[in-house]
PDB file of N, CA and C in Angstrom:
ATOM      1  N   MET A   1      -2.312  46.296   5.757  1.00  0.00           N
ATOM      2  CA  MET A   1      -1.800  45.023   5.164  1.00  0.00           C
ATOM      3  C   MET A   1      -1.740  43.992   6.179  1.00  0.00           C
ATOM      4  N   LEU A   2      -2.128  42.717   5.848  1.00  0.00           N
ATOM      5  CA  LEU A   2      -2.063  41.634   6.782  1.00  0.00           C
ATOM      6  C   LEU A   2      -0.788  40.827   6.489  1.00  0.00           C
ATOM      7  N   ALA A   3       0.162  40.866   7.420  1.00  0.00           N
ATOM      8  CA  ALA A   3       1.347  40.114   7.324  1.00  0.00           C
ATOM      9  C   ALA A   3       1.077  38.639   7.509  1.00  0.00           C
ATOM     10  N   GLY A   4       1.689  37.778   6.742  1.00  0.00           N
ATOM     11  CA  GLY A   4       1.552  36.419   6.926  1.00  0.00           C
ATOM     12  C   GLY A   4       0.274  35.762   6.281  1.00  0.00           C
ATOM     13  N   LEU A   5      -0.494  36.545   5.579  1.00  0.00           N
ATOM     14  CA  LEU A   5      -1.710  36.081   4.956  1.00  0.00           C
ATOM     15  C   LEU A   5      -1.324  35.572   3.551  1.00  0.00           C
ATOM     16  N   PHE A   6      -1.548  34.187   3.348  1.00  0.00           N
ATOM     17  CA  PHE A   6      -1.289  33.636   2.045  1.00  0.00           C
ATOM     18  C   PHE A   6      -2.500  33.040   1.463  1.00  0.00           C
ATOM     19  N   LEU A   7      -2.747  33.266   0.212  1.00  0.00           N
ATOM     20  CA  LEU A   7      -3.849  32.661  -0.521  1.00  0.00           C
ATOM     21  C   LEU A   7      -3.329  31.317  -1.103  1.00  0.00           C
ATOM     22  N   ILE A   8      -3.945  30.242  -0.773  1.00  0.00           N
ATOM     23  CA  ILE A   8      -3.498  28.968  -1.260  1.00  0.00           C
ATOM     24  C   ILE A   8      -4.363  28.639  -2.536  1.00  0.00           C
ATOM     25  N   ALA A   9      -3.631  28.559  -3.608  1.00  0.00           N
ATOM     26  CA  ALA A   9      -4.353  28.316  -4.905  1.00  0.00           C
ATOM     27  C   ALA A   9      -4.463  26.784  -5.144  1.00  0.00           C
ATOM     28  N   GLY A  10      -5.637  26.276  -5.351  1.00  0.00           N
ATOM     29  CA  GLY A  10      -5.824  24.931  -5.634  1.00  0.00           C
ATOM     30  C   GLY A  10      -5.698  24.681  -7.133  1.00  0.00           C
ATOM     31  N   LEU A  11      -5.461  23.521  -7.539  1.00  0.00           N
ATOM     32  CA  LEU A  11      -5.341  23.092  -8.903  1.00  0.00           C
ATOM     33  C   LEU A  11      -6.525  22.197  -9.179  1.00  0.00           C
ATOM     34  N   LEU A  12      -7.361  22.503 -10.181  1.00  0.00           N
ATOM     35  CA  LEU A  12      -8.492  21.684 -10.566  1.00  0.00           C
ATOM     36  C   LEU A  12      -7.930  20.506 -11.353  1.00  0.00           C
ATOM     37  N   LEU A  13      -8.118  19.284 -10.964  1.00  0.00           N
ATOM     38  CA  LEU A  13      -7.635  18.094 -11.691  1.00  0.00           C
ATOM     39  C   LEU A  13      -8.597  17.759 -12.813  1.00  0.00           C
ATOM     40  N   ALA A  14      -8.072  17.695 -14.064  1.00  0.00           N
ATOM     41  CA  ALA A  14      -8.928  17.488 -15.215  1.00  0.00           C
ATOM     42  C   ALA A  14      -9.400  16.084 -15.380  1.00  0.00           C
ATOM     43  N   GLU A  15      -8.506  15.164 -15.176  1.00  0.00           N
ATOM     44  CA  GLU A  15      -8.790  13.698 -15.318  1.00  0.00           C
ATOM     45  C   GLU A  15      -8.038  12.875 -14.311  1.00  0.00           C
ATOM     46  N   PRO A  16      -8.469  13.014 -13.049  1.00  0.00           N
ATOM     47  CA  PRO A  16      -7.754  12.279 -11.981  1.00  0.00           C
ATOM     48  C   PRO A  16      -7.999  10.814 -12.051  1.00  0.00           C
ATOM     49  N   THR A  17      -6.903  10.096 -11.867  1.00  0.00           N
ATOM     50  CA  THR A  17      -6.841   8.686 -11.862  1.00  0.00           C
ATOM     51  C   THR A  17      -6.334   8.248 -10.457  1.00  0.00           C
ATOM     52  N   VAL A  18      -7.031   7.268  -9.854  1.00  0.00           N
ATOM     53  CA  VAL A  18      -6.601   6.714  -8.552  1.00  0.00           C
ATOM     54  C   VAL A  18      -5.600   5.657  -8.673  1.00  0.00           C
ATOM     55  N   ILE A  19      -4.446   5.868  -8.064  1.00  0.00           N
ATOM     56  CA  ILE A  19      -3.419   4.882  -8.078  1.00  0.00           C
ATOM     57  C   ILE A  19      -3.560   3.919  -6.866  1.00  0.00           C
ATOM     58  N   ASP A  20      -3.729   4.508  -5.727  1.00  0.00           N
ATOM     59  CA  ASP A  20      -3.971   3.745  -4.451  1.00  0.00           C
ATOM     60  C   ASP A  20      -4.690   4.650  -3.439  1.00  0.00           C
ATOM     61  N   GLY A  21      -4.753   4.298  -2.205  1.00  0.00           N
ATOM     62  CA  GLY A  21      -5.491   5.086  -1.242  1.00  0.00           C
ATOM     63  C   GLY A  21      -4.899   6.484  -0.995  1.00  0.00           C
ATOM     64  N   ASP A  22      -3.654   6.674  -1.309  1.00  0.00           N
ATOM     65  CA  ASP A  22      -3.076   7.991  -1.005  1.00  0.00           C
ATOM     66  C   ASP A  22      -2.352   8.625  -2.200  1.00  0.00           C
ATOM     67  N   THR A  23      -2.624   8.167  -3.369  1.00  0.00           N
ATOM     68  CA  THR A  23      -1.967   8.659  -4.636  1.00  0.00           C
ATOM     69  C   THR A  23      -3.006   8.823  -5.774  1.00  0.00           C
ATOM     70  N   LEU A  24      -3.019  10.024  -6.317  1.00  0.00           N
ATOM     71  CA  LEU A  24      -3.777  10.257  -7.546  1.00  0.00           C
ATOM     72  C   LEU A  24      -2.850  10.758  -8.609  1.00  0.00           C
ATOM     73  N   ARG A  25      -3.241  10.518  -9.873  1.00  0.00           N
ATOM     74  CA  ARG A  25      -2.479  11.044 -11.004  1.00  0.00           C
ATOM     75  C   ARG A  25      -3.448  11.863 -11.810  1.00  0.00           C
ATOM     76  N   ASP A  26      -2.911  12.968 -12.354  1.00  0.00           N
ATOM     77  CA  ASP A  26      -3.659  13.797 -13.385  1.00  0.00           C
ATOM     78  C   ASP A  26      -2.652  14.173 -14.447  1.00  0.00           C
ATOM     79  N   GLY A  27      -2.776  13.528 -15.608  1.00  0.00           N
ATOM     80  CA  GLY A  27      -1.822  13.757 -16.628  1.00  0.00           C
ATOM     81  C   GLY A  27      -0.520  13.101 -16.207  1.00  0.00           C
ATOM     82  N   ALA A  28       0.585  13.825 -16.282  1.00  0.00           N
ATOM     83  CA  ALA A  28       1.857  13.316 -15.907  1.00  0.00           C
ATOM     84  C   ALA A  28       2.191  13.493 -14.407  1.00  0.00           C
ATOM     85  N   GLU A  29       1.396  14.317 -13.743  1.00  0.00           N
ATOM     86  CA  GLU A  29       1.689  14.690 -12.371  1.00  0.00           C
ATOM     87  C   GLU A  29       0.965  13.704 -11.409  1.00  0.00           C
ATOM     88  N   ARG A  30       1.752  13.317 -10.347  1.00  0.00           N
ATOM     89  CA  ARG A  30       1.186  12.428  -9.346  1.00  0.00           C
ATOM     90  C   ARG A  30       1.072  13.207  -8.070  1.00  0.00           C
ATOM     91  N   TYR A  31      -0.002  12.962  -7.263  1.00  0.00           N
ATOM     92  CA  TYR A  31      -0.268  13.710  -6.032  1.00  0.00           C
ATOM     93  C   TYR A  31      -0.364  12.759  -4.851  1.00  0.00           C
ATOM     94  N   ARG A  32       0.341  13.102  -3.796  1.00  0.00           N
ATOM     95  CA  ARG A  32       0.312  12.303  -2.553  1.00  0.00           C
ATOM     96  C   ARG A  32      -0.640  13.037  -1.587  1.00  0.00           C
ATOM     97  N   VAL A  33      -1.666  12.364  -1.082  1.00  0.00           N
ATOM     98  CA  VAL A  33      -2.633  12.979  -0.151  1.00  0.00           C
ATOM     99  C   VAL A  33      -1.839  13.264   1.110  1.00  0.00           C
ATOM    100  N   GLU A  34      -1.805  14.500   1.549  1.00  0.00           N
ATOM    101  CA  GLU A  34      -0.932  14.970   2.626  1.00  0.00           C
ATOM    102  C   GLU A  34      -1.260  14.502   4.022  1.00  0.00           C
ATOM    103  N   ASN A  35      -2.486  14.276   4.309  1.00  0.00           N
ATOM    104  CA  ASN A  35      -2.838  14.120   5.721  1.00  0.00           C
ATOM    105  C   ASN A  35      -3.262  12.749   6.145  1.00  0.00           C
ATOM    106  N   LEU A  36      -2.961  11.732   5.343  1.00  0.00           N
ATOM    107  CA  LEU A  36      -3.301  10.379   5.700  1.00  0.00           C
ATOM    108  C   LEU A  36      -2.192   9.391   5.430  1.00  0.00           C
ATOM    109  N   ASP A  37      -2.343   8.251   6.087  1.00  0.00           N
ATOM    110  CA  ASP A  37      -1.449   7.075   5.865  1.00  0.00           C
ATOM    111  C   ASP A  37      -2.343   5.935   5.430  1.00  0.00           C
ATOM    112  N   ALA A  38      -2.352   5.597   4.164  1.00  0.00           N
ATOM    113  CA  ALA A  38      -3.154   4.529   3.569  1.00  0.00           C
ATOM    114  C   ALA A  38      -2.350   3.298   3.560  1.00  0.00           C
ATOM    115  N   PRO A  39      -2.998   2.102   3.753  1.00  0.00           N
ATOM    116  CA  PRO A  39      -2.330   0.838   3.659  1.00  0.00           C
ATOM    117  C   PRO A  39      -1.847   0.548   2.243  1.00  0.00           C
ATOM    118  N   GLU A  40      -0.811  -0.218   2.109  1.00  0.00           N
ATOM    119  CA  GLU A  40      -0.196  -0.484   0.803  1.00  0.00           C
ATOM    120  C   GLU A  40      -0.994  -1.558   0.082  1.00  0.00           C
ATOM    121  N   ILE A  41      -0.887  -1.620  -1.209  1.00  0.00           N
ATOM    122  CA  ILE A  41      -1.460  -2.667  -2.055  1.00  0.00           C
ATOM    123  C   ILE A  41      -0.385  -3.438  -2.778  1.00  0.00           C
ATOM    124  N   GLY A  42      -0.733  -4.530  -3.399  1.00  0.00           N
ATOM    125  CA  GLY A  42       0.195  -5.304  -4.188  1.00  0.00           C
ATOM    126  C   GLY A  42       1.399  -5.815  -3.387  1.00  0.00           C
ATOM    127  N   ARG A  43       2.608  -5.817  -4.011  1.00  0.00           N
ATOM    128  CA  ARG A  43       3.828  -6.304  -3.335  1.00  0.00           C
ATOM    129  C   ARG A  43       4.354  -5.484  -2.272  1.00  0.00           C
ATOM    130  N   ARG A  44       3.844  -4.218  -2.169  1.00  0.00           N
ATOM    131  CA  ARG A  44       4.301  -3.305  -1.081  1.00  0.00           C
ATOM    132  C   ARG A  44       3.645  -3.601   0.214  1.00  0.00           C
ATOM    133  N   ALA A  45       2.497  -4.330   0.174  1.00  0.00           N
ATOM    134  CA  ALA A  45       1.790  -4.661   1.415  1.00  0.00           C
ATOM    135  C   ALA A  45       2.619  -5.640   2.217  1.00  0.00           C
ATOM    136  N   ARG A  46       2.646  -5.463   3.527  1.00  0.00           N
ATOM    137  CA  ARG A  46       3.461  -6.313   4.423  1.00  0.00           C
ATOM    138  C   ARG A  46       2.788  -7.565   4.870  1.00  0.00           C
ATOM    139  N   CYS A  47       1.473  -7.613   4.637  1.00  0.00           N
ATOM    140  CA  CYS A  47       0.685  -8.799   5.011  1.00  0.00           C
ATOM    141  C   CYS A  47      -0.586  -8.819   4.242  1.00  0.00           C
ATOM    142  N   PRO A  48      -1.282 -10.000   4.252  1.00  0.00           N
ATOM    143  CA  PRO A  48      -2.553 -10.082   3.505  1.00  0.00           C
ATOM    144  C   PRO A  48      -3.626  -9.064   4.055  1.00  0.00           C
ATOM    145  N   GLU A  49      -3.624  -8.840   5.273  1.00  0.00           N
ATOM    146  CA  GLU A  49      -4.628  -7.920   5.911  1.00  0.00           C
ATOM    147  C   GLU A  49      -4.374  -6.541   5.424  1.00  0.00           C
ATOM    148  N   GLU A  50      -3.125  -6.061   5.323  1.00  0.00           N
ATOM    149  CA  GLU A  50      -2.817  -4.775   4.789  1.00  0.00           C
ATOM    150  C   GLU A  50      -3.205  -4.657   3.352  1.00  0.00           C
ATOM    151  N   ARG A  51      -2.922  -5.701   2.562  1.00  0.00           N
ATOM    152  CA  ARG A  51      -3.276  -5.685   1.168  1.00  0.00           C
ATOM    153  C   ARG A  51      -4.803  -5.538   0.940  1.00  0.00           C
ATOM    154  N   ALA A  52      -5.559  -6.318   1.767  1.00  0.00           N
ATOM    155  CA  ALA A  52      -7.015  -6.233   1.675  1.00  0.00           C
ATOM    156  C   ALA A  52      -7.506  -4.834   2.047  1.00  0.00           C
ATOM    157  N   LEU A  53      -7.033  -4.271   3.131  1.00  0.00           N
ATOM    158  CA  LEU A  53      -7.430  -2.934   3.545  1.00  0.00           C
ATOM    159  C   LEU A  53      -7.025  -1.925   2.534  1.00  0.00           C
ATOM    160  N   GLY A  54      -5.834  -2.070   1.947  1.00  0.00           N
ATOM    161  CA  GLY A  54      -5.380  -1.186   0.926  1.00  0.00           C
ATOM    162  C   GLY A  54      -6.235  -1.147  -0.318  1.00  0.00           C
ATOM    163  N   GLU A  55      -6.728  -2.327  -0.688  1.00  0.00           N
ATOM    164  CA  GLU A  55      -7.578  -2.490  -1.918  1.00  0.00           C
ATOM    165  C   GLU A  55      -8.892  -1.819  -1.571  1.00  0.00           C
ATOM    166  N   ALA A  56      -9.416  -2.028  -0.331  1.00  0.00           N
ATOM    167  CA  ALA A  56     -10.693  -1.350   0.020  1.00  0.00           C
ATOM    168  C   ALA A  56     -10.563   0.091   0.044  1.00  0.00           C
ATOM    169  N   ALA A  57      -9.409   0.662   0.542  1.00  0.00           N
ATOM    170  CA  ALA A  57      -9.161   2.070   0.485  1.00  0.00           C
ATOM    171  C   ALA A  57      -9.132   2.552  -0.957  1.00  0.00           C
ATOM    172  N   ARG A  58      -8.418   1.858  -1.826  1.00  0.00           N
ATOM    173  CA  ARG A  58      -8.380   2.293  -3.236  1.00  0.00           C
ATOM    174  C   ARG A  58      -9.767   2.361  -3.844  1.00  0.00           C
ATOM    175  N   ARG A  59     -10.574   1.253  -3.642  1.00  0.00           N
ATOM    176  CA  ARG A  59     -11.945   1.239  -4.179  1.00  0.00           C
ATOM    177  C   ARG A  59     -12.710   2.393  -3.641  1.00  0.00           C
ATOM    178  N   ALA A  60     -12.648   2.728  -2.358  1.00  0.00           N
ATOM    179  CA  ALA A  60     -13.381   3.850  -1.813  1.00  0.00           C
ATOM    180  C   ALA A  60     -12.976   5.180  -2.443  1.00  0.00           C
ATOM    181  N   VAL A  61     -11.681   5.373  -2.663  1.00  0.00           N
ATOM    182  CA  VAL A  61     -11.239   6.629  -3.310  1.00  0.00           C
ATOM    183  C   VAL A  61     -11.723   6.668  -4.751  1.00  0.00           C
ATOM    184  N   VAL A  62     -11.683   5.489  -5.423  1.00  0.00           N
ATOM    185  CA  VAL A  62     -12.176   5.461  -6.880  1.00  0.00           C
ATOM    186  C   VAL A  62     -13.641   5.978  -6.824  1.00  0.00           C
ATOM    187  N   ARG A  63     -14.466   5.370  -5.930  1.00  0.00           N
ATOM    188  CA  ARG A  63     -15.865   5.798  -5.858  1.00  0.00           C
ATOM    189  C   ARG A  63     -16.071   7.245  -5.588  1.00  0.00           C
ATOM    190  N   MET A  64     -15.341   7.774  -4.554  1.00  0.00           N
ATOM    191  CA  MET A  64     -15.401   9.152  -4.186  1.00  0.00           C
ATOM    192  C   MET A  64     -15.012  10.118  -5.296  1.00  0.00           C
ATOM    193  N   VAL A  65     -13.924   9.794  -5.972  1.00  0.00           N
ATOM    194  CA  VAL A  65     -13.428  10.619  -7.085  1.00  0.00           C
ATOM    195  C   VAL A  65     -14.431  10.546  -8.247  1.00  0.00           C
ATOM    196  N   ALA A  66     -14.873   9.377  -8.572  1.00  0.00           N
ATOM    197  CA  ALA A  66     -15.880   9.275  -9.694  1.00  0.00           C
ATOM    198  C   ALA A  66     -17.129   9.996  -9.350  1.00  0.00           C
ATOM    199  N   GLY A  67     -17.565  10.089  -8.100  1.00  0.00           N
ATOM    200  CA  GLY A  67     -18.830  10.760  -7.745  1.00  0.00           C
ATOM    201  C   GLY A  67     -18.603  12.278  -7.555  1.00  0.00           C
ATOM    202  N   ALA A  68     -17.435  12.752  -7.599  1.00  0.00           N
ATOM    203  CA  ALA A  68     -17.244  14.184  -7.404  1.00  0.00           C
ATOM    204  C   ALA A  68     -17.313  14.967  -8.710  1.00  0.00           C
ATOM    205  N   GLU A  69     -17.846  16.141  -8.625  1.00  0.00           N
ATOM    206  CA  GLU A  69     -17.883  17.075  -9.687  1.00  0.00           C
ATOM    207  C   GLU A  69     -16.607  17.869  -9.855  1.00  0.00           C
ATOM    208  N   ARG A  70     -15.954  18.058  -8.659  1.00  0.00           N
ATOM    209  CA  ARG A  70     -14.801  18.867  -8.683  1.00  0.00           C
ATOM    210  C   ARG A  70     -13.672  18.176  -7.745  1.00  0.00           C
ATOM    211  N   VAL A  71     -12.573  17.899  -8.410  1.00  0.00           N
ATOM    212  CA  VAL A  71     -11.413  17.317  -7.669  1.00  0.00           C
ATOM    213  C   VAL A  71     -10.347  18.321  -7.694  1.00  0.00           C
ATOM    214  N   GLU A  72      -9.910  18.771  -6.509  1.00  0.00           N
ATOM    215  CA  GLU A  72      -8.891  19.864  -6.409  1.00  0.00           C
ATOM    216  C   GLU A  72      -7.711  19.470  -5.597  1.00  0.00           C
ATOM    217  N   ALA A  73      -6.571  19.782  -5.998  1.00  0.00           N
ATOM    218  CA  ALA A  73      -5.268  19.555  -5.222  1.00  0.00           C
ATOM    219  C   ALA A  73      -4.805  20.883  -4.746  1.00  0.00           C
ATOM    220  N   ILE A  74      -4.479  20.959  -3.495  1.00  0.00           N
ATOM    221  CA  ILE A  74      -3.976  22.175  -2.853  1.00  0.00           C
ATOM    222  C   ILE A  74      -2.573  21.838  -2.379  1.00  0.00           C
ATOM    223  N   PRO A  75      -1.579  22.096  -3.237  1.00  0.00           N
ATOM    224  CA  PRO A  75      -0.151  21.727  -2.946  1.00  0.00           C
ATOM    225  C   PRO A  75       0.342  22.387  -1.685  1.00  0.00           C
ATOM    226  N   THR A  76       1.183  21.626  -0.965  1.00  0.00           N
ATOM    227  CA  THR A  76       1.848  22.066   0.234  1.00  0.00           C
ATOM    228  C   THR A  76       3.137  22.831  -0.095  1.00  0.00           C
ATOM    229  N   GLY A  77       3.615  22.690  -1.334  1.00  0.00           N
ATOM    230  CA  GLY A  77       4.895  23.213  -1.728  1.00  0.00           C
ATOM    231  C   GLY A  77       6.012  22.196  -1.594  1.00  0.00           C
ATOM    232  N   ARG A  78       5.678  20.914  -1.254  1.00  0.00           N
ATOM    233  CA  ARG A  78       6.679  19.924  -1.129  1.00  0.00           C
ATOM    234  C   ARG A  78       6.458  18.754  -2.063  1.00  0.00           C
ATOM    235  N   ARG A  79       7.456  18.020  -2.278  1.00  0.00           N
ATOM    236  CA  ARG A  79       7.395  16.713  -3.031  1.00  0.00           C
ATOM    237  C   ARG A  79       7.915  15.667  -2.062  1.00  0.00           C
ATOM    238  N   ASP A  80       7.356  14.439  -2.189  1.00  0.00           N
ATOM    239  CA  ASP A  80       7.858  13.329  -1.369  1.00  0.00           C
ATOM    240  C   ASP A  80       9.017  12.603  -2.049  1.00  0.00           C
ATOM    241  N   ARG A  81       9.562  11.640  -1.370  1.00  0.00           N
ATOM    242  CA  ARG A  81      10.737  10.943  -1.890  1.00  0.00           C
ATOM    243  C   ARG A  81      10.493  10.260  -3.200  1.00  0.00           C
ATOM    244  N   TYR A  82       9.270  10.058  -3.606  1.00  0.00           N
ATOM    245  CA  TYR A  82       8.951   9.488  -4.885  1.00  0.00           C
ATOM    246  C   TYR A  82       8.655  10.513  -5.975  1.00  0.00           C
ATOM    247  N   GLY A  83       8.824  11.783  -5.639  1.00  0.00           N
ATOM    248  CA  GLY A  83       8.566  12.856  -6.591  1.00  0.00           C
ATOM    249  C   GLY A  83       7.134  13.369  -6.685  1.00  0.00           C
ATOM    250  N   ARG A  84       6.228  12.753  -5.906  1.00  0.00           N
ATOM    251  CA  ARG A  84       4.851  13.160  -5.908  1.00  0.00           C
ATOM    252  C   ARG A  84       4.703  14.593  -5.278  1.00  0.00           C
ATOM    253  N   VAL A  85       3.783  15.347  -5.794  1.00  0.00           N
ATOM    254  CA  VAL A  85       3.359  16.635  -5.195  1.00  0.00           C
ATOM    255  C   VAL A  85       2.516  16.287  -3.966  1.00  0.00           C
ATOM    256  N   VAL A  86       2.973  16.709  -2.772  1.00  0.00           N
ATOM    257  CA  VAL A  86       2.243  16.534  -1.566  1.00  0.00           C
ATOM    258  C   VAL A  86       1.126  17.625  -1.541  1.00  0.00           C
ATOM    259  N   ALA A  87      -0.083  17.151  -1.410  1.00  0.00           N
ATOM    260  CA  ALA A  87      -1.193  18.160  -1.518  1.00  0.00           C
ATOM    261  C   ALA A  87      -2.424  17.640  -0.697  1.00  0.00           C
ATOM    262  N   ARG A  88      -3.219  18.661  -0.268  1.00  0.00           N
ATOM    263  CA  ARG A  88      -4.470  18.309   0.323  1.00  0.00           C
ATOM    264  C   ARG A  88      -5.447  18.066  -0.896  1.00  0.00           C
ATOM    265  N   ILE A  89      -6.209  17.004  -0.880  1.00  0.00           N
ATOM    266  CA  ILE A  89      -7.103  16.693  -2.010  1.00  0.00           C
ATOM    267  C   ILE A  89      -8.562  17.028  -1.519  1.00  0.00           C
ATOM    268  N   GLU A  90      -9.274  17.823  -2.237  1.00  0.00           N
ATOM    269  CA  GLU A  90     -10.621  18.105  -1.933  1.00  0.00           C
ATOM    270  C   GLU A  90     -11.506  17.631  -3.041  1.00  0.00           C
ATOM    271  N   LEU A  91     -12.570  16.932  -2.628  1.00  0.00           N
ATOM    272  CA  LEU A  91     -13.598  16.447  -3.568  1.00  0.00           C
ATOM    273  C   LEU A  91     -14.902  17.309  -3.269  1.00  0.00           C
ATOM    274  N   ASP A  92     -15.227  18.151  -4.198  1.00  0.00           N
ATOM    275  CA  ASP A  92     -16.414  19.008  -3.988  1.00  0.00           C
ATOM    276  C   ASP A  92     -16.310  19.770  -2.649  1.00  0.00           C
ATOM    277  N   GLY A  93     -15.108  20.171  -2.314  1.00  0.00           N
ATOM    278  CA  GLY A  93     -14.836  20.885  -1.064  1.00  0.00           C
ATOM    279  C   GLY A  93     -14.609  20.112   0.175  1.00  0.00           C
ATOM    280  N   ARG A  94     -14.720  18.792   0.019  1.00  0.00           N
ATOM    281  CA  ARG A  94     -14.618  17.871   1.229  1.00  0.00           C
ATOM    282  C   ARG A  94     -13.177  17.202   1.149  1.00  0.00           C
ATOM    283  N   ASP A  95     -12.551  17.193   2.290  1.00  0.00           N
ATOM    284  CA  ASP A  95     -11.188  16.684   2.386  1.00  0.00           C
ATOM    285  C   ASP A  95     -11.155  15.173   2.215  1.00  0.00           C
ATOM    286  N   LEU A  96     -10.516  14.737   1.220  1.00  0.00           N
ATOM    287  CA  LEU A  96     -10.379  13.253   0.914  1.00  0.00           C
ATOM    288  C   LEU A  96      -9.767  12.496   2.062  1.00  0.00           C
ATOM    289  N   GLY A  97      -8.678  13.020   2.576  1.00  0.00           N
ATOM    290  CA  GLY A  97      -7.990  12.321   3.742  1.00  0.00           C
ATOM    291  C   GLY A  97      -8.875  12.128   4.859  1.00  0.00           C
ATOM    292  N   GLU A  98      -9.591  13.185   5.286  1.00  0.00           N
ATOM    293  CA  GLU A  98     -10.468  13.062   6.463  1.00  0.00           C
ATOM    294  C   GLU A  98     -11.614  12.075   6.151  1.00  0.00           C
ATOM    295  N   ALA A  99     -12.102  12.063   4.910  1.00  0.00           N
ATOM    296  CA  ALA A  99     -13.182  11.141   4.538  1.00  0.00           C
ATOM    297  C   ALA A  99     -12.719   9.644   4.638  1.00  0.00           C
ATOM    298  N   LEU A 100     -11.552   9.402   4.153  1.00  0.00           N
ATOM    299  CA  LEU A 100     -10.993   7.985   4.143  1.00  0.00           C
ATOM    300  C   LEU A 100     -10.691   7.561   5.619  1.00  0.00           C
ATOM    301  N   ILE A 101     -10.198   8.468   6.431  1.00  0.00           N
ATOM    302  CA  ILE A 101      -9.884   8.215   7.826  1.00  0.00           C
ATOM    303  C   ILE A 101     -11.226   7.888   8.542  1.00  0.00           C
ATOM    304  N   ALA A 102     -12.262   8.700   8.348  1.00  0.00           N
ATOM    305  CA  ALA A 102     -13.518   8.509   8.970  1.00  0.00           C
ATOM    306  C   ALA A 102     -14.150   7.101   8.635  1.00  0.00           C
ATOM    307  N   GLN A 103     -13.801   6.575   7.441  1.00  0.00           N
ATOM    308  CA  GLN A 103     -14.265   5.298   7.047  1.00  0.00           C
ATOM    309  C   GLN A 103     -13.412   4.164   7.562  1.00  0.00           C
ATOM    310  N   ARG A 104     -12.366   4.522   8.326  1.00  0.00           N
ATOM    311  CA  ARG A 104     -11.417   3.553   8.906  1.00  0.00           C
ATOM    312  C   ARG A 104     -10.614   2.801   7.847  1.00  0.00           C
ATOM    313  N   LEU A 105     -10.461   3.418   6.724  1.00  0.00           N
ATOM    314  CA  LEU A 105      -9.616   2.769   5.613  1.00  0.00           C
ATOM    315  C   LEU A 105      -8.216   3.407   5.574  1.00  0.00           C
ATOM    316  N   ALA A 106      -7.878   4.347   6.408  1.00  0.00           N
ATOM    317  CA  ALA A 106      -6.608   4.997   6.499  1.00  0.00           C
ATOM    318  C   ALA A 106      -6.484   5.512   7.913  1.00  0.00           C
ATOM    319  N   ARG A 107      -5.246   5.986   8.204  1.00  0.00           N
ATOM    320  CA  ARG A 107      -4.948   6.651   9.497  1.00  0.00           C
ATOM    321  C   ARG A 107      -4.375   7.956   9.284  1.00  0.00           C
ATOM    322  N   PRO A 108      -4.473   8.836  10.304  1.00  0.00           N
ATOM    323  CA  PRO A 108      -3.843  10.204  10.123  1.00  0.00           C
ATOM    324  C   PRO A 108      -2.305  10.068   9.913  1.00  0.00           C
ATOM    325  N   TRP A 109      -1.725  10.834   9.101  1.00  0.00           N
ATOM    326  CA  TRP A 109      -0.352  10.803   8.908  1.00  0.00           C
ATOM    327  C   TRP A 109       0.425  11.281  10.137  1.00  0.00           C
ATOM    328  N   ARG A 110       1.402  10.485  10.608  1.00  0.00           N
ATOM    329  CA  ARG A 110       2.079  10.870  11.823  1.00  0.00           C
ATOM    330  C   ARG A 110       3.595  10.903  11.553  1.00  0.00           C
ATOM    331  N   GLY A 111       3.969  11.096  10.293  1.00  0.00           N
ATOM    332  CA  GLY A 111       5.361  11.261   9.917  1.00  0.00           C
ATOM    333  C   GLY A 111       6.096   9.955   9.474  1.00  0.00           C
ATOM    334  N   ARG A 112       5.331   8.894   9.627  1.00  0.00           N
ATOM    335  CA  ARG A 112       5.934   7.603   9.159  1.00  0.00           C
ATOM    336  C   ARG A 112       4.732   6.671   8.919  1.00  0.00           C
ATOM    337  N   SER A 113       5.051   5.638   8.175  1.00  0.00           N
ATOM    338  CA  SER A 113       3.992   4.623   7.774  1.00  0.00           C
ATOM    339  C   SER A 113       3.569   3.841   9.064  1.00  0.00           C
ATOM    340  N   SER A 114       2.307   3.573   9.055  1.00  0.00           N
ATOM    341  CA  SER A 114       1.717   2.698  10.153  1.00  0.00           C
ATOM    342  C   SER A 114       1.909   1.257   9.820  1.00  0.00           C
ATOM    343  N   ASN A 115       1.839   0.434  10.872  1.00  0.00           N
ATOM    344  CA  ASN A 115       1.864  -0.936  10.666  1.00  0.00           C
ATOM    345  C   ASN A 115       0.460  -1.503  10.647  1.00  0.00           C
ATOM    346  N   PHE A 116      -0.082  -1.748   9.467  1.00  0.00           N
ATOM    347  CA  PHE A 116      -1.452  -2.195   9.360  1.00  0.00           C
ATOM    348  C   PHE A 116      -1.592  -3.676   9.557  1.00  0.00           C
ATOM    349  N   CYS A 117      -0.500  -4.340   9.860  1.00  0.00           N
ATOM    350  CA  CYS A 117      -0.523  -5.774  10.074  1.00  0.00           C
ATOM    351  C   CYS A 117      -0.720  -6.128  11.600  1.00  0.00           C
ATOM    352  N   GLU A 118      -0.606  -5.092  12.474  1.00  0.00           N
ATOM    353  CA  GLU A 118      -0.876  -5.318  13.878  1.00  0.00           C
ATOM    354  C   GLU A 118      -2.356  -5.274  14.154  1.00  0.00           C
ATOM    355  N   ALA A 119      -2.808  -6.073  15.091  1.00  0.00           N
ATOM    356  CA  ALA A 119      -4.179  -6.128  15.455  1.00  0.00           C
ATOM    357  C   ALA A 119      -4.590  -4.831  16.078  1.00  0.00           C
TER     358      ALA A 119
END
């Protein structure tokens, strides 16, 4: 027997909707992408530059989700302060967080929000 071996079950999202660069909804459940820090949109953005980058991140996630045949959430077992399920999101087996970071539309999660208003 292998001690400490855990199988992580993913949840196939039936009708994922993109809220912003780091949040998806499927039915009544909301998912927070675990490994990235995306800029805010709307009133939550701290400056016009953050708002613009946040909208670009959202549009990129919308395109990636729309182009994926399979959107899967792999929950970490935690919820964030807003009640969202913290999960790794995979699009056809590709990590959404890593893809958004590679496009420079988000940053790796470091335990707190980044300041997207600094140069």
